[in-house]
C-alpha atoms as a PDB file:
ATOM      1  CA  UNK A   1       0.000   0.000   0.000  1.00  0.00           C
ATOM      2  CA  UNK A   2       1.437   3.344  -0.944  1.00  0.00           C
ATOM      3  CA  UNK A   3       0.443   6.690   0.463  1.00  0.00           C
ATOM      4  CA  UNK A   4       0.671  10.026  -1.227  1.00  0.00           C
ATOM      5  CA  UNK A   5      -0.043  13.479   0.189  1.00  0.00           C
ATOM      6  CA  UNK A   6      -2.906  15.197  -1.614  1.00  0.00           C
ATOM      7  CA  UNK A   7      -3.807  18.113   0.643  1.00  0.00           C
ATOM      8  CA  UNK A   8      -2.372  19.514   3.795  1.00  0.00           C
ATOM      9  CA  UNK A   9      -2.741  16.838   6.452  1.00  0.00           C
ATOM     10  CA  UNK A  10      -4.664  14.290   4.341  1.00  0.00           C
ATOM     11  CA  UNK A  11      -3.210  11.249   2.628  1.00  0.00           C
ATOM     12  CA  UNK A  12      -4.555   9.264  -0.292  1.00  0.00           C
ATOM     13  CA  UNK A  13      -4.338   5.507   0.128  1.00  0.00           C
ATOM     14  CA  UNK A  14      -3.775   3.375  -2.953  1.00  0.00           C
ATOM     15  CA  UNK A  15      -4.275  -0.388  -2.750  1.00  0.00           C
ATOM     16  CA  UNK A  16      -2.661  -2.945  -4.978  1.00  0.00           C
ATOM     17  CA  UNK A  17      -4.762  -3.875  -8.006  1.00  0.00           C
ATOM     18  CA  UNK A  18      -5.092  -7.477  -6.788  1.00  0.00           C
ATOM     19  CA  UNK A  19      -6.340  -6.422  -3.346  1.00  0.00           C
ATOM     20  CA  UNK A  20      -8.734  -3.885  -4.839  1.00  0.00           C
ATOM     21  CA  UNK A  21     -10.293  -6.423  -7.241  1.00  0.00           C
ATOM     22  CA  UNK A  22     -10.625  -9.073  -4.524  1.00  0.00           C
ATOM     23  CA  UNK A  23     -12.465  -6.596  -2.312  1.00  0.00           C
ATOM     24  CA  UNK A  24     -14.807  -5.619  -5.156  1.00  0.00           C
ATOM     25  CA  UNK A  25     -15.616  -9.300  -5.792  1.00  0.00           C
ATOM     26  CA  UNK A  26     -16.291  -9.715  -2.072  1.00  0.00           C
ATOM     27  CA  UNK A  27     -18.606  -6.696  -2.240  1.00  0.00           C
ATOM     28  CA  UNK A  28     -20.421  -8.268  -5.192  1.00  0.00           C
ATOM     29  CA  UNK A  29     -20.841 -11.496  -3.202  1.00  0.00           C
ATOM     30  CA  UNK A  30     -22.338  -9.512  -0.323  1.00  0.00           C
ATOM     31  CA  UNK A  31     -24.786  -7.778  -2.653  1.00  0.00           C
ATOM     32  CA  UNK A  32     -25.962 -10.965  -4.420  1.00  0.00           C
ATOM     33  CA  UNK A  33     -28.734 -11.724  -1.859  1.00  0.00           C
ATOM     34  CA  UNK A  34     -29.985  -8.132  -2.097  1.00  0.00           C
ATOM     35  CA  UNK A  35     -30.028  -8.388  -5.896  1.00  0.00           C
ATOM     36  CA  UNK A  36     -31.966 -11.665  -5.653  1.00  0.00           C
ATOM     37  CA  UNK A  37     -34.528 -10.086  -3.320  1.00  0.00           C
ATOM     38  CA  UNK A  38     -35.023  -7.118  -5.638  1.00  0.00           C
ATOM     39  CA  UNK A  39     -35.347  -9.304  -8.739  1.00  0.00           C
ATOM     40  CA  UNK A  40     -37.790 -11.672  -7.005  1.00  0.00           C
ATOM     41  CA  UNK A  41     -39.874  -8.681  -5.916  1.00  0.00           C
ATOM     42  CA  UNK A  42     -40.369  -7.429  -9.479  1.00  0.00           C
ATOM     43  CA  UNK A  43     -43.463  -9.639 -10.113  1.00  0.00           C
ATOM     44  CA  UNK A  44     -45.161  -7.933  -7.168  1.00  0.00           C
ATOM     45  CA  UNK A  45     -45.354  -4.684  -9.155  1.00  0.00           C
ATOM     46  CA  UNK A  46     -46.682  -6.316 -12.327  1.00  0.00           C
ATOM     47  CA  UNK A  47     -50.307  -5.421 -13.095  1.00  0.00           C
ATOM     48  CA  UNK A  48     -52.808  -7.924 -11.680  1.00  0.00           C
ATOM     49  CA  UNK A  49     -55.742  -6.967 -13.879  1.00  0.00           C
ATOM     50  CA  UNK A  50     -56.433  -5.054 -17.045  1.00  0.00           C
ATOM     51  CA  UNK A  51     -54.717  -5.037 -20.420  1.00  0.00           C
ATOM     52  CA  UNK A  52     -51.107  -5.388 -19.219  1.00  0.00           C
ATOM     53  CA  UNK A  53     -51.705  -8.528 -17.151  1.00  0.00           C
ATOM     54  CA  UNK A  54     -48.834 -11.011 -16.960  1.00  0.00           C
ATOM     55  CA  UNK A  55     -49.796 -14.684 -16.952  1.00  0.00           C
ATOM     56  CA  UNK A  56     -48.877 -16.962 -14.070  1.00  0.00           C
ATOM     57  CA  UNK A  57     -46.784 -19.121 -16.396  1.00  0.00           C
ATOM     58  CA  UNK A  58     -44.705 -16.119 -17.442  1.00  0.00           C
ATOM     59  CA  UNK A  59     -44.254 -15.085 -13.801  1.00  0.00           C
ATOM     60  CA  UNK A  60     -43.095 -18.595 -12.839  1.00  0.00           C
ATOM     61  CA  UNK A  61     -40.651 -18.707 -15.747  1.00  0.00           C
ATOM     62  CA  UNK A  62     -39.286 -15.332 -14.628  1.00  0.00           C
ATOM     63  CA  UNK A  63     -38.920 -16.483 -10.993  1.00  0.00           C
ATOM     64  CA  UNK A  64     -37.087 -19.684 -11.975  1.00  0.00           C
ATOM     65  CA  UNK A  65     -34.878 -17.801 -14.450  1.00  0.00           C
ATOM     66  CA  UNK A  66     -33.887 -15.354 -11.696  1.00  0.00           C
ATOM     67  CA  UNK A  67     -33.290 -18.277  -9.335  1.00  0.00           C
ATOM     68  CA  UNK A  68     -31.032 -20.025 -11.863  1.00  0.00           C
ATOM     69  CA  UNK A  69     -29.250 -16.756 -12.650  1.00  0.00           C
ATOM     70  CA  UNK A  70     -28.508 -16.087  -8.991  1.00  0.00           C
ATOM     71  CA  UNK A  71     -27.172 -19.631  -8.597  1.00  0.00           C
ATOM     72  CA  UNK A  72     -24.833 -19.133 -11.557  1.00  0.00           C
ATOM     73  CA  UNK A  73     -23.782 -15.690 -10.287  1.00  0.00           C
ATOM     74  CA  UNK A  74     -22.966 -16.903  -6.777  1.00  0.00           C
ATOM     75  CA  UNK A  75     -21.163 -19.967  -8.147  1.00  0.00           C
ATOM     76  CA  UNK A  76     -19.026 -17.728 -10.358  1.00  0.00           C
ATOM     77  CA  UNK A  77     -18.274 -15.354  -7.501  1.00  0.00           C
ATOM     78  CA  UNK A  78     -17.325 -18.244  -5.215  1.00  0.00           C
ATOM     79  CA  UNK A  79     -14.990 -19.628  -7.892  1.00  0.00           C
ATOM     80  CA  UNK A  80     -13.294 -16.256  -8.326  1.00  0.00           C
ATOM     81  CA  UNK A  81     -12.964 -15.785  -4.564  1.00  0.00           C
ATOM     82  CA  UNK A  82     -11.603 -19.290  -3.964  1.00  0.00           C
ATOM     83  CA  UNK A  83      -9.093 -18.943  -6.833  1.00  0.00           C
ATOM     84  CA  UNK A  84      -7.897 -15.616  -5.504  1.00  0.00           C
ATOM     85  CA  UNK A  85      -7.714 -16.952  -1.949  1.00  0.00           C
ATOM     86  CA  UNK A  86      -5.621 -19.915  -3.115  1.00  0.00           C
ATOM     87  CA  UNK A  87      -3.263 -17.654  -5.038  1.00  0.00           C
ATOM     88  CA  UNK A  88      -3.058 -15.262  -2.090  1.00  0.00           C
ATOM     89  CA  UNK A  89      -2.149 -17.992   0.408  1.00  0.00           C
ATOM     90  CA  UNK A  90      -0.211 -20.140  -2.066  1.00  0.00           C
ATOM     91  CA  UNK A  91      -2.120 -23.293  -1.148  1.00  0.00           C
ATOM     92  CA  UNK A  92      -3.839 -25.816  -3.398  1.00  0.00           C
ATOM     93  CA  UNK A  93      -6.934 -27.897  -2.761  1.00  0.00           C
ATOM     94  CA  UNK A  94      -6.752 -31.652  -2.763  1.00  0.00           C
ATOM     95  CA  UNK A  95      -3.228 -31.905  -1.355  1.00  0.00           C
ATOM     96  CA  UNK A  96      -3.982 -33.679   1.914  1.00  0.00           C
ATOM     97  CA  UNK A  97      -1.060 -35.592   3.390  1.00  0.00           C
END
């Protein structure tokens, strides 16, 4: 971590690119449940009657598509985090002795 003076008395902190990206991926993993909740709440604002009515079949397809998408997203984030953690610590999985 390097520090540089920007104004009188304040210092700017710059993180390594690797550390910065790992933290952003961790932030994305923390926000995944919130994203899922928001996406699952979308059918609640769809019109229930009138001309713009959405069928139940379409709503179920949407819910399962969001569910599958969140599974894929969290799997991808966990893979990225585990790869970065292994590189950071220098350990490998499956090397039990």
